[in-house]
């Protein structure tokens, strides 16, 4: 899971993971952790990535924030690797979704709606905010 350190990157990652849980979605639908204990098997991780549709993956030694590598996989292909942290990977993923005109994963519709409408403050004129996301926004601004 997350390290015990108190860096801003760790706190941002904790907020993102907590947000996903708060919205009733599964962390592993967005963030895949490949914690390595000892020997790093790059082939095994690459093989595992082929099953990812739209995900952020974290590779590194368990319990060592500085030695973790973060990447993005789309349609089973690694499109970006070496991102410094999960929060930045989320921002890059949103940019890739817009640039490639991809749809949000249905399993994470609320999470991506929060990213779009609350974090990035981008309204979609054709769609109203879901009640779950609206309630969160009201709570945050209270």
Protein backbone atom coordinates (compact mmCIF):
# COMPACT_ATOMS: atom_id res chain seq x y z
CA UNK A 1 0.00 0.00 0.00
CA UNK A 2 1.32 3.46 0.78
CA UNK A 3 4.49 4.28 2.62
CA UNK A 4 4.60 5.67 6.12
CA UNK A 5 6.37 8.84 4.97
CA UNK A 6 4.51 12.12 4.93
CA UNK A 7 5.55 13.53 1.54
CA UNK A 8 3.05 15.54 -0.47
CA UNK A 9 3.15 12.87 -3.18
CA UNK A 10 2.20 10.16 -0.68
CA UNK A 11 -0.61 12.30 0.69
CA UNK A 12 -1.97 13.03 -2.78
CA UNK A 13 -1.90 9.34 -3.64
CA UNK A 14 -3.72 8.55 -0.39
CA UNK A 15 -6.39 11.14 -1.25
CA UNK A 16 -6.89 9.64 -4.72
CA UNK A 17 -7.14 6.12 -3.33
CA UNK A 18 -9.52 7.33 -0.61
CA UNK A 19 -11.62 9.19 -3.16
CA UNK A 20 -12.05 6.04 -5.23
CA UNK A 21 -13.20 4.12 -2.16
CA UNK A 22 -15.49 6.97 -1.03
CA UNK A 23 -17.20 6.88 -4.43
CA UNK A 24 -17.82 3.13 -4.07
CA UNK A 25 -15.40 2.11 -6.79
CA UNK A 26 -12.38 -0.20 -6.67
CA UNK A 27 -8.83 1.15 -6.45
CA UNK A 28 -7.50 -1.74 -8.51
CA UNK A 29 -9.71 -0.69 -11.43
CA UNK A 30 -7.48 2.40 -11.79
CA UNK A 31 -4.23 1.70 -9.94
CA UNK A 32 -2.44 -1.64 -10.25
CA UNK A 33 0.33 -2.25 -7.76
CA UNK A 34 3.17 -4.57 -8.74
CA UNK A 35 5.24 -4.66 -5.58
CA UNK A 36 8.51 -6.42 -5.98
CA UNK A 37 10.07 -8.30 -3.11
CA UNK A 38 13.65 -8.88 -4.12
CA UNK A 39 14.13 -9.86 -7.79
CA UNK A 40 12.44 -7.66 -10.42
CA UNK A 41 10.85 -9.68 -13.22
CA UNK A 42 10.21 -7.12 -15.97
CA UNK A 43 8.76 -9.75 -18.30
CA UNK A 44 6.12 -10.76 -15.73
CA UNK A 45 5.06 -7.13 -15.23
CA UNK A 46 4.94 -6.50 -19.00
CA UNK A 47 2.81 -9.62 -19.40
CA UNK A 48 0.43 -8.40 -16.67
CA UNK A 49 0.08 -5.04 -18.41
CA UNK A 50 -1.49 -6.69 -21.46
CA UNK A 51 -4.69 -7.17 -19.45
CA UNK A 52 -5.05 -3.47 -18.56
CA UNK A 53 -7.51 -1.34 -20.51
CA UNK A 54 -6.98 2.11 -18.99
CA UNK A 55 -4.84 2.00 -15.87
CA UNK A 56 -2.03 3.43 -13.84
CA UNK A 57 0.53 0.89 -12.68
CA UNK A 58 3.07 1.12 -9.90
CA UNK A 59 6.21 -1.00 -9.92
CA UNK A 60 8.68 -0.96 -7.09
CA UNK A 61 9.91 -2.40 -3.87
CA UNK A 62 7.29 -2.58 -1.17
CA UNK A 63 7.75 0.16 1.41
CA UNK A 64 10.21 2.29 -0.57
CA UNK A 65 8.63 5.42 -2.07
CA UNK A 66 11.79 6.60 -3.82
CA UNK A 67 12.30 3.34 -5.68
CA UNK A 68 8.79 3.13 -7.15
CA UNK A 69 8.13 3.73 -10.84
CA UNK A 70 4.70 4.74 -12.10
CA UNK A 71 3.33 4.26 -15.60
CA UNK A 72 0.18 4.32 -17.69
CA UNK A 73 -1.19 1.47 -19.78
CA UNK A 74 -3.90 1.88 -22.40
CA UNK A 75 -5.45 -1.06 -24.23
CA UNK A 76 -2.78 -3.41 -22.88
CA UNK A 77 0.11 -1.24 -24.03
CA UNK A 78 2.48 0.73 -21.83
CA UNK A 79 2.23 4.30 -23.13
CA UNK A 80 4.16 6.11 -20.42
CA UNK A 81 6.62 4.98 -17.76
CA UNK A 82 8.79 6.76 -15.24
CA UNK A 83 6.14 9.15 -13.98
CA UNK A 84 7.29 10.39 -10.56
CA UNK A 85 4.04 9.64 -8.69
CA UNK A 86 0.43 8.46 -8.92
CA UNK A 87 -1.12 11.93 -8.69
CA UNK A 88 0.88 13.15 -11.68
CA UNK A 89 0.01 9.93 -13.54
CA UNK A 90 -3.69 10.74 -12.98
CA UNK A 91 -3.16 14.17 -14.56
CA UNK A 92 -1.28 12.64 -17.50
CA UNK A 93 -4.00 10.01 -17.89
CA UNK A 94 -6.67 12.72 -18.11
CA UNK A 95 -4.61 14.46 -20.80
CA UNK A 96 -4.22 11.22 -22.73
CA UNK A 97 -7.95 10.53 -22.50
CA UNK A 98 -8.70 13.97 -23.99
CA UNK A 99 -5.93 13.82 -26.61
CA UNK A 100 -6.87 10.33 -27.77
CA UNK A 101 -10.62 10.94 -27.42
CA UNK A 102 -11.09 7.93 -25.14
CA UNK A 103 -14.13 7.15 -23.03
CA UNK A 104 -13.90 6.91 -19.27
CA UNK A 105 -14.01 3.34 -17.94
CA UNK A 106 -17.55 2.52 -16.78
CA UNK A 107 -16.24 0.98 -13.55
CA UNK A 108 -14.67 4.34 -12.63
CA UNK A 109 -17.29 6.76 -13.94
CA UNK A 110 -17.58 8.68 -10.65
CA UNK A 111 -13.82 8.93 -10.14
CA UNK A 112 -13.25 10.35 -13.60
CA UNK A 113 -16.26 12.64 -13.21
CA UNK A 114 -14.63 14.07 -10.04
CA UNK A 115 -11.32 14.47 -11.88
CA UNK A 116 -13.07 16.29 -14.73
CA UNK A 117 -15.70 18.37 -12.98
CA UNK A 118 -14.21 19.10 -9.57
CA UNK A 119 -10.42 18.88 -9.92
CA UNK A 120 -10.10 20.22 -13.49
CA UNK A 121 -13.27 22.35 -13.26
CA UNK A 122 -14.38 21.33 -16.75
CA UNK A 123 -18.11 21.11 -17.22
CA UNK A 124 -19.66 19.02 -19.97
CA UNK A 125 -22.61 21.11 -21.17
CA UNK A 126 -24.50 18.01 -22.31
CA UNK A 127 -24.27 16.14 -19.00
CA UNK A 128 -25.29 17.19 -15.56
CA UNK A 129 -23.20 16.29 -12.57
CA UNK A 130 -24.23 13.01 -10.94
CA UNK A 131 -25.79 13.35 -7.51
CA UNK A 132 -22.88 11.47 -5.90
CA UNK A 133 -20.31 13.86 -7.33
CA UNK A 134 -22.50 16.90 -6.64
CA UNK A 135 -22.83 15.87 -2.98
CA UNK A 136 -19.04 15.53 -2.75
CA UNK A 137 -18.53 18.96 -4.31
CA UNK A 138 -21.00 20.55 -1.86
CA UNK A 139 -19.21 18.84 1.06
CA UNK A 140 -15.83 20.09 -0.15
CA UNK A 141 -17.05 23.67 -0.46
CA UNK A 142 -18.89 23.72 2.87
